Amino acid sequence: MSNVLEIRWHGRGGQGAKTASLLLAEAAFDTGKYIQGFPEYGPERMGAPITAYNRISDKPITIHCNIYEPDYVVVVDETLLDVVDVTSGLKAHGAIIVNTEKTPEEMKEKLSTYNYSGRVYTVDAKKISMETLGRYFPNTPMLGAVVKVANVMDEKVFIESMDNSFKHKFASKPTVIAPNMEAVKRALVEVKGA
C-alpha cells in the first residue's frame, strides 16, 4: 500500500514500546491522519522481547497485519540487537533508531553484522529518562526521537498532542506530566544520525 508510513518497534516487556506506538498513533490521528497502532501479542512477560507497530497515512488504511517491511525501526532496548534481527525487512530508504549511549557510527558498525548499511540514529533514552523522570522509562524519549527522524508530523503539533495526552493519561498524577514532556522535548533535540 503506497503513501503509508510503517514503523516497527522492538522492546522488552515493561519498557513501554506498546504504549509508545499507541501514543504515536493518537498524536498522528490528532493531525487528521489515518492510523494503526498495535502490538504483536504472544507469551509476553516482563523483560521478554516484544514488537509493536504503527501505520500512518493520509488515506484510509486497508491492510491489517504485522509490518514486515518497515520504513523505520525503533529499538527501545539495545540488548535486543544480540537476539533479534531488528533490521529484517527494513526498507533501503528507511532508518533505524536505537536507544543507546553509543554514537550512530558505533551502532552502524554493530549493525553491519546484519548486513545493514542504511541510516542509523541514536538517542540515549536511558539517560534522558533518568534525568527527567528519575526512573528508566525509555519509551517517552524514543517517541520524540521517532517523530524527529521519521518526520511524522510538525514537532510543535506533536508536543501539543503529547501534552494533551499526558494530561489525560496522568490526570491522577499531574506531577509526572512536566517530566514526561521534558523527556520528549530533549529527545527531539538529542537524537543523532549518520
C-alpha atoms as a PDB file:
ATOM      1  CA  MET A   1       0.000   0.000   0.000  1.00  0.00           C
ATOM      2  CA  SER A   2       1.606   3.289  -1.077  1.00  0.00           C
ATOM      3  CA  ASN A   3       1.616   6.503   0.970  1.00  0.00           C
ATOM      4  CA  VAL A   4       1.684   4.557   4.220  1.00  0.00           C
ATOM      5  CA  LEU A   5       4.479   5.172   6.718  1.00  0.00           C
ATOM      6  CA  GLU A   6       5.228   1.935   8.568  1.00  0.00           C
ATOM      7  CA  ILE A   7       7.138   1.765  11.841  1.00  0.00           C
ATOM      8  CA  ARG A   8       8.146  -1.340  13.771  1.00  0.00           C
ATOM      9  CA  TRP A   9       9.060  -1.072  17.460  1.00  0.00           C
ATOM     10  CA  HIS A  10      11.306  -3.585  19.238  1.00  0.00           C
ATOM     11  CA  GLY A  11      11.456  -3.541  23.022  1.00  0.00           C
ATOM     12  CA  ARG A  12      11.143  -5.685  26.082  1.00  0.00           C
ATOM     13  CA  GLY A  13       8.009  -6.223  28.126  1.00  0.00           C
ATOM     14  CA  GLY A  14       7.637  -3.378  30.605  1.00  0.00           C
ATOM     15  CA  GLN A  15       9.645  -0.791  28.637  1.00  0.00           C
ATOM     16  CA  GLY A  16       6.613   0.812  27.024  1.00  0.00           C
ATOM     17  CA  ALA A  17       7.097   0.054  23.319  1.00  0.00           C
ATOM     18  CA  LYS A  18       3.410  -0.827  23.014  1.00  0.00           C
ATOM     19  CA  THR A  19       2.390   2.347  24.852  1.00  0.00           C
ATOM     20  CA  ALA A  20       4.698   4.471  22.691  1.00  0.00           C
ATOM     21  CA  SER A  21       3.220   3.026  19.491  1.00  0.00           C
ATOM     22  CA  LEU A  22      -0.287   3.809  20.745  1.00  0.00           C
ATOM     23  CA  LEU A  23       0.697   7.364  21.768  1.00  0.00           C
ATOM     24  CA  LEU A  24       2.243   7.935  18.333  1.00  0.00           C
ATOM     25  CA  ALA A  25      -0.930   6.683  16.667  1.00  0.00           C
ATOM     26  CA  GLU A  26      -3.028   9.004  18.824  1.00  0.00           C
ATOM     27  CA  ALA A  27      -0.819  12.008  18.012  1.00  0.00           C
ATOM     28  CA  ALA A  28      -0.962  11.268  14.272  1.00  0.00           C
ATOM     29  CA  PHE A  29      -4.742  10.824  14.494  1.00  0.00           C
ATOM     30  CA  ASP A  30      -4.976  14.276  16.077  1.00  0.00           C
ATOM     31  CA  THR A  31      -3.449  15.715  12.883  1.00  0.00           C
ATOM     32  CA  GLY A  32      -6.131  14.103  10.712  1.00  0.00           C
ATOM     33  CA  LYS A  33      -4.118  11.071   9.615  1.00  0.00           C
ATOM     34  CA  TYR A  34      -5.398   7.533   9.319  1.00  0.00           C
ATOM     35  CA  ILE A  35      -3.566   5.378  11.815  1.00  0.00           C
ATOM     36  CA  GLN A  36      -2.890   1.952  13.221  1.00  0.00           C
ATOM     37  CA  GLY A  37      -1.001   1.276  16.431  1.00  0.00           C
ATOM     38  CA  PHE A  38      -0.903  -2.268  17.754  1.00  0.00           C
ATOM     39  CA  PRO A  39       1.325  -4.802  19.491  1.00  0.00           C
ATOM     40  CA  GLU A  40       2.119  -8.311  18.359  1.00  0.00           C
ATOM     41  CA  TYR A  41       0.667 -10.497  21.034  1.00  0.00           C
ATOM     42  CA  GLY A  42       2.385 -13.620  22.227  1.00  0.00           C
ATOM     43  CA  PRO A  43       3.623 -15.004  25.529  1.00  0.00           C
ATOM     44  CA  GLU A  44       4.931 -11.569  26.643  1.00  0.00           C
ATOM     45  CA  ARG A  45       6.209 -11.165  30.128  1.00  0.00           C
ATOM     46  CA  MET A  46       8.358  -8.588  31.852  1.00  0.00           C
ATOM     47  CA  GLY A  47      11.701  -8.434  30.043  1.00  0.00           C
ATOM     48  CA  ALA A  48      10.730 -10.660  27.098  1.00  0.00           C
ATOM     49  CA  PRO A  49      11.188  -9.256  23.560  1.00  0.00           C
ATOM     50  CA  ILE A  50       8.022  -7.645  22.184  1.00  0.00           C
ATOM     51  CA  THR A  51       7.096  -5.978  18.916  1.00  0.00           C
ATOM     52  CA  ALA A  52       4.651  -3.152  18.261  1.00  0.00           C
ATOM     53  CA  TYR A  53       3.659  -1.421  15.031  1.00  0.00           C
ATOM     54  CA  ASN A  54       2.414   1.832  13.530  1.00  0.00           C
ATOM     55  CA  ARG A  55       0.904   2.643  10.184  1.00  0.00           C
ATOM     56  CA  ILE A  56       0.257   6.300   9.375  1.00  0.00           C
ATOM     57  CA  SER A  57      -1.335   7.551   6.159  1.00  0.00           C
ATOM     58  CA  ASP A  58      -3.260  10.407   4.558  1.00  0.00           C
ATOM     59  CA  LYS A  59      -5.657   7.822   3.108  1.00  0.00           C
ATOM     60  CA  PRO A  60      -7.665   5.007   4.708  1.00  0.00           C
ATOM     61  CA  ILE A  61      -5.509   2.011   5.615  1.00  0.00           C
ATOM     62  CA  THR A  62      -6.944  -1.211   4.247  1.00  0.00           C
ATOM     63  CA  ILE A  63      -4.351  -3.724   5.401  1.00  0.00           C
ATOM     64  CA  HIS A  64      -4.428  -5.301   8.850  1.00  0.00           C
ATOM     65  CA  CYS A  65      -1.357  -7.401   9.506  1.00  0.00           C
ATOM     66  CA  ASN A  66       2.069  -7.160  11.083  1.00  0.00           C
ATOM     67  CA  ILE A  67       4.664  -4.974   9.358  1.00  0.00           C
ATOM     68  CA  TYR A  68       7.347  -6.975   7.592  1.00  0.00           C
ATOM     69  CA  GLU A  69       8.987  -4.213   5.530  1.00  0.00           C
ATOM     70  CA  PRO A  70       9.021  -1.119   7.744  1.00  0.00           C
ATOM     71  CA  ASP A  71      10.191   2.334   6.764  1.00  0.00           C
ATOM     72  CA  TYR A  72      11.561   2.838  10.274  1.00  0.00           C
ATOM     73  CA  VAL A  73      12.608   0.543  13.090  1.00  0.00           C
ATOM     74  CA  VAL A  74      12.728   1.754  16.693  1.00  0.00           C
ATOM     75  CA  VAL A  75      14.871  -0.272  19.107  1.00  0.00           C
ATOM     76  CA  VAL A  76      13.922   0.577  22.687  1.00  0.00           C
ATOM     77  CA  ASP A  77      16.445  -1.853  24.192  1.00  0.00           C
ATOM     78  CA  GLU A  78      19.932  -2.099  22.672  1.00  0.00           C
ATOM     79  CA  THR A  79      20.432  -5.638  24.035  1.00  0.00           C
ATOM     80  CA  LEU A  80      17.859  -6.855  21.512  1.00  0.00           C
ATOM     81  CA  LEU A  81      20.462  -6.334  18.783  1.00  0.00           C
ATOM     82  CA  ASP A  82      22.133  -9.513  20.045  1.00  0.00           C
ATOM     83  CA  VAL A  83      18.983 -11.670  19.912  1.00  0.00           C
ATOM     84  CA  VAL A  84      16.631 -10.242  17.261  1.00  0.00           C
ATOM     85  CA  ASP A  85      17.349  -9.253  13.656  1.00  0.00           C
ATOM     86  CA  VAL A  86      15.789  -5.832  14.086  1.00  0.00           C
ATOM     87  CA  THR A  87      16.817  -4.850  10.549  1.00  0.00           C
ATOM     88  CA  SER A  88      14.776  -7.640   8.937  1.00  0.00           C
ATOM     89  CA  GLY A  89      12.818  -6.213   6.014  1.00  0.00           C
ATOM     90  CA  LEU A  90      13.843  -2.605   6.731  1.00  0.00           C
ATOM     91  CA  LYS A  91      13.442  -0.617   3.520  1.00  0.00           C
ATOM     92  CA  ALA A  92      16.589   0.835   1.946  1.00  0.00           C
ATOM     93  CA  HIS A  93      15.253   4.408   2.232  1.00  0.00           C
ATOM     94  CA  GLY A  94      14.309   3.902   5.881  1.00  0.00           C
ATOM     95  CA  ALA A  95      16.276   4.162   9.090  1.00  0.00           C
ATOM     96  CA  ILE A  96      16.802   2.535  12.450  1.00  0.00           C
ATOM     97  CA  ILE A  97      16.655   4.449  15.747  1.00  0.00           C
ATOM     98  CA  VAL A  98      18.400   2.847  18.723  1.00  0.00           C
ATOM     99  CA  ASN A  99      18.273   3.682  22.420  1.00  0.00           C
ATOM    100  CA  THR A 100      21.975   3.704  23.270  1.00  0.00           C
ATOM    101  CA  GLU A 101      24.749   5.864  24.619  1.00  0.00           C
ATOM    102  CA  LYS A 102      26.826   4.867  21.586  1.00  0.00           C
ATOM    103  CA  THR A 103      27.266   7.108  18.551  1.00  0.00           C
ATOM    104  CA  PRO A 104      25.435   6.419  15.288  1.00  0.00           C
ATOM    105  CA  GLU A 105      28.772   5.396  13.771  1.00  0.00           C
ATOM    106  CA  GLU A 106      29.382   2.828  16.526  1.00  0.00           C
ATOM    107  CA  MET A 107      25.868   1.433  16.071  1.00  0.00           C
ATOM    108  CA  LYS A 108      26.346   1.285  12.312  1.00  0.00           C
ATOM    109  CA  GLU A 109      29.381  -0.917  12.891  1.00  0.00           C
ATOM    110  CA  LYS A 110      27.383  -3.198  15.215  1.00  0.00           C
ATOM    111  CA  LEU A 111      24.500  -3.410  12.732  1.00  0.00           C
ATOM    112  CA  SER A 112      26.863  -4.384   9.915  1.00  0.00           C
ATOM    113  CA  THR A 113      26.677  -7.941  11.273  1.00  0.00           C
ATOM    114  CA  TYR A 114      23.120  -7.924   9.881  1.00  0.00           C
ATOM    115  CA  ASN A 115      24.429  -6.563   6.564  1.00  0.00           C
ATOM    116  CA  TYR A 116      22.644  -3.307   7.261  1.00  0.00           C
ATOM    117  CA  SER A 117      24.302  -0.209   5.879  1.00  0.00           C
ATOM    118  CA  GLY A 118      21.421   2.272   5.915  1.00  0.00           C
ATOM    119  CA  ARG A 119      20.745   5.312   8.072  1.00  0.00           C
ATOM    120  CA  VAL A 120      21.266   4.874  11.811  1.00  0.00           C
ATOM    121  CA  TYR A 121      20.123   7.222  14.556  1.00  0.00           C
ATOM    122  CA  THR A 122      20.818   7.034  18.259  1.00  0.00           C
ATOM    123  CA  VAL A 123      19.404   8.677  21.350  1.00  0.00           C
ATOM    124  CA  ASP A 124      20.359   7.990  24.956  1.00  0.00           C
ATOM    125  CA  ALA A 125      16.796   7.422  26.148  1.00  0.00           C
ATOM    126  CA  LYS A 126      18.071   5.867  29.371  1.00  0.00           C
ATOM    127  CA  LYS A 127      20.000   8.993  30.316  1.00  0.00           C
ATOM    128  CA  ILE A 128      17.127  11.277  29.311  1.00  0.00           C
ATOM    129  CA  SER A 129      14.533   9.292  31.264  1.00  0.00           C
ATOM    130  CA  MET A 130      16.734   9.010  34.365  1.00  0.00           C
ATOM    131  CA  GLU A 131      17.465  12.752  34.328  1.00  0.00           C
ATOM    132  CA  THR A 132      13.891  13.868  33.644  1.00  0.00           C
ATOM    133  CA  LEU A 133      11.707  11.151  35.173  1.00  0.00           C
ATOM    134  CA  GLY A 134      14.062   9.764  37.816  1.00  0.00           C
ATOM    135  CA  ARG A 135      13.349   6.242  36.537  1.00  0.00           C
ATOM    136  CA  TYR A 136      14.079   4.190  33.455  1.00  0.00           C
ATOM    137  CA  PHE A 137      11.139   4.732  31.095  1.00  0.00           C
ATOM    138  CA  PRO A 138      12.761   4.762  27.635  1.00  0.00           C
ATOM    139  CA  ASN A 139       9.529   4.849  25.643  1.00  0.00           C
ATOM    140  CA  THR A 140       8.852   8.554  26.164  1.00  0.00           C
ATOM    141  CA  PRO A 141      12.196   9.765  24.760  1.00  0.00           C
ATOM    142  CA  MET A 142      12.051   7.171  21.968  1.00  0.00           C
ATOM    143  CA  LEU A 143       8.689   8.597  20.937  1.00  0.00           C
ATOM    144  CA  GLY A 144      10.263  12.035  20.479  1.00  0.00           C
ATOM    145  CA  ALA A 145      13.185  10.546  18.553  1.00  0.00           C
ATOM    146  CA  VAL A 146      10.990   8.681  16.069  1.00  0.00           C
ATOM    147  CA  VAL A 147       8.872  11.777  15.391  1.00  0.00           C
ATOM    148  CA  LYS A 148      12.054  13.754  14.655  1.00  0.00           C
ATOM    149  CA  VAL A 149      13.704  11.127  12.453  1.00  0.00           C
ATOM    150  CA  ALA A 150      10.620   9.959  10.544  1.00  0.00           C
ATOM    151  CA  ASN A 151       9.187  13.482  10.264  1.00  0.00           C
ATOM    152  CA  VAL A 152       5.814  12.026  11.169  1.00  0.00           C
ATOM    153  CA  MET A 153       4.308  15.429  11.932  1.00  0.00           C
ATOM    154  CA  ASP A 154       5.167  19.005  12.801  1.00  0.00           C
ATOM    155  CA  GLU A 155       7.103  18.996  16.081  1.00  0.00           C
ATOM    156  CA  LYS A 156       5.011  21.770  17.658  1.00  0.00           C
ATOM    157  CA  VAL A 157       1.809  19.879  16.864  1.00  0.00           C
ATOM    158  CA  PHE A 158       3.365  16.706  18.281  1.00  0.00           C
ATOM    159  CA  ILE A 159       4.377  18.455  21.513  1.00  0.00           C
ATOM    160  CA  GLU A 160       0.885  19.907  21.925  1.00  0.00           C
ATOM    161  CA  SER A 161      -0.678  16.489  21.295  1.00  0.00           C
ATOM    162  CA  MET A 162       1.641  14.822  23.826  1.00  0.00           C
ATOM    163  CA  ASP A 163       0.867  17.494  26.412  1.00  0.00           C
ATOM    164  CA  ASN A 164      -2.870  16.874  25.981  1.00  0.00           C
ATOM    165  CA  SER A 165      -2.378  13.108  26.022  1.00  0.00           C
ATOM    166  CA  PHE A 166      -0.234  13.184  29.179  1.00  0.00           C
ATOM    167  CA  LYS A 167      -2.750  15.475  30.916  1.00  0.00           C
ATOM    168  CA  HIS A 168      -5.430  12.861  30.261  1.00  0.00           C
ATOM    169  CA  LYS A 169      -3.255   9.801  30.942  1.00  0.00           C
ATOM    170  CA  PHE A 170      -1.763  11.222  34.137  1.00  0.00           C
ATOM    171  CA  ALA A 171      -4.805  13.137  35.422  1.00  0.00           C
ATOM    172  CA  SER A 172      -4.399  11.478  38.822  1.00  0.00           C
ATOM    173  CA  LYS A 173      -0.607  12.084  38.829  1.00  0.00           C
ATOM    174  CA  PRO A 174      -0.151  15.609  37.404  1.00  0.00           C
ATOM    175  CA  THR A 175       3.402  15.883  38.769  1.00  0.00           C
ATOM    176  CA  VAL A 176       4.656  13.463  36.101  1.00  0.00           C
ATOM    177  CA  ILE A 177       3.350  15.495  33.151  1.00  0.00           C
ATOM    178  CA  ALA A 178       6.157  18.089  33.031  1.00  0.00           C
ATOM    179  CA  PRO A 179       8.970  15.498  33.335  1.00  0.00           C
ATOM    180  CA  ASN A 180       7.444  13.402  30.536  1.00  0.00           C
ATOM    181  CA  MET A 181       7.161  16.480  28.335  1.00  0.00           C
ATOM    182  CA  GLU A 182      10.783  17.362  29.069  1.00  0.00           C
ATOM    183  CA  ALA A 183      11.843  13.831  28.083  1.00  0.00           C
ATOM    184  CA  VAL A 184      10.009  14.114  24.744  1.00  0.00           C
ATOM    185  CA  LYS A 185      11.460  17.554  24.003  1.00  0.00           C
ATOM    186  CA  ARG A 186      15.009  16.521  24.883  1.00  0.00           C
ATOM    187  CA  ALA A 187      14.831  13.511  22.563  1.00  0.00           C
ATOM    188  CA  LEU A 188      13.707  15.736  19.698  1.00  0.00           C
ATOM    189  CA  VAL A 189      16.937  17.707  20.166  1.00  0.00           C
ATOM    190  CA  GLU A 190      19.363  14.992  21.261  1.00  0.00           C
ATOM    191  CA  VAL A 191      18.712  12.298  18.631  1.00  0.00           C
ATOM    192  CA  LYS A 192      21.779  11.951  16.366  1.00  0.00           C
ATOM    193  CA  GLY A 193      22.070  10.376  12.949  1.00  0.00           C
ATOM    194  CA  ALA A 194      24.623   9.036  10.500  1.00  0.00           C
END
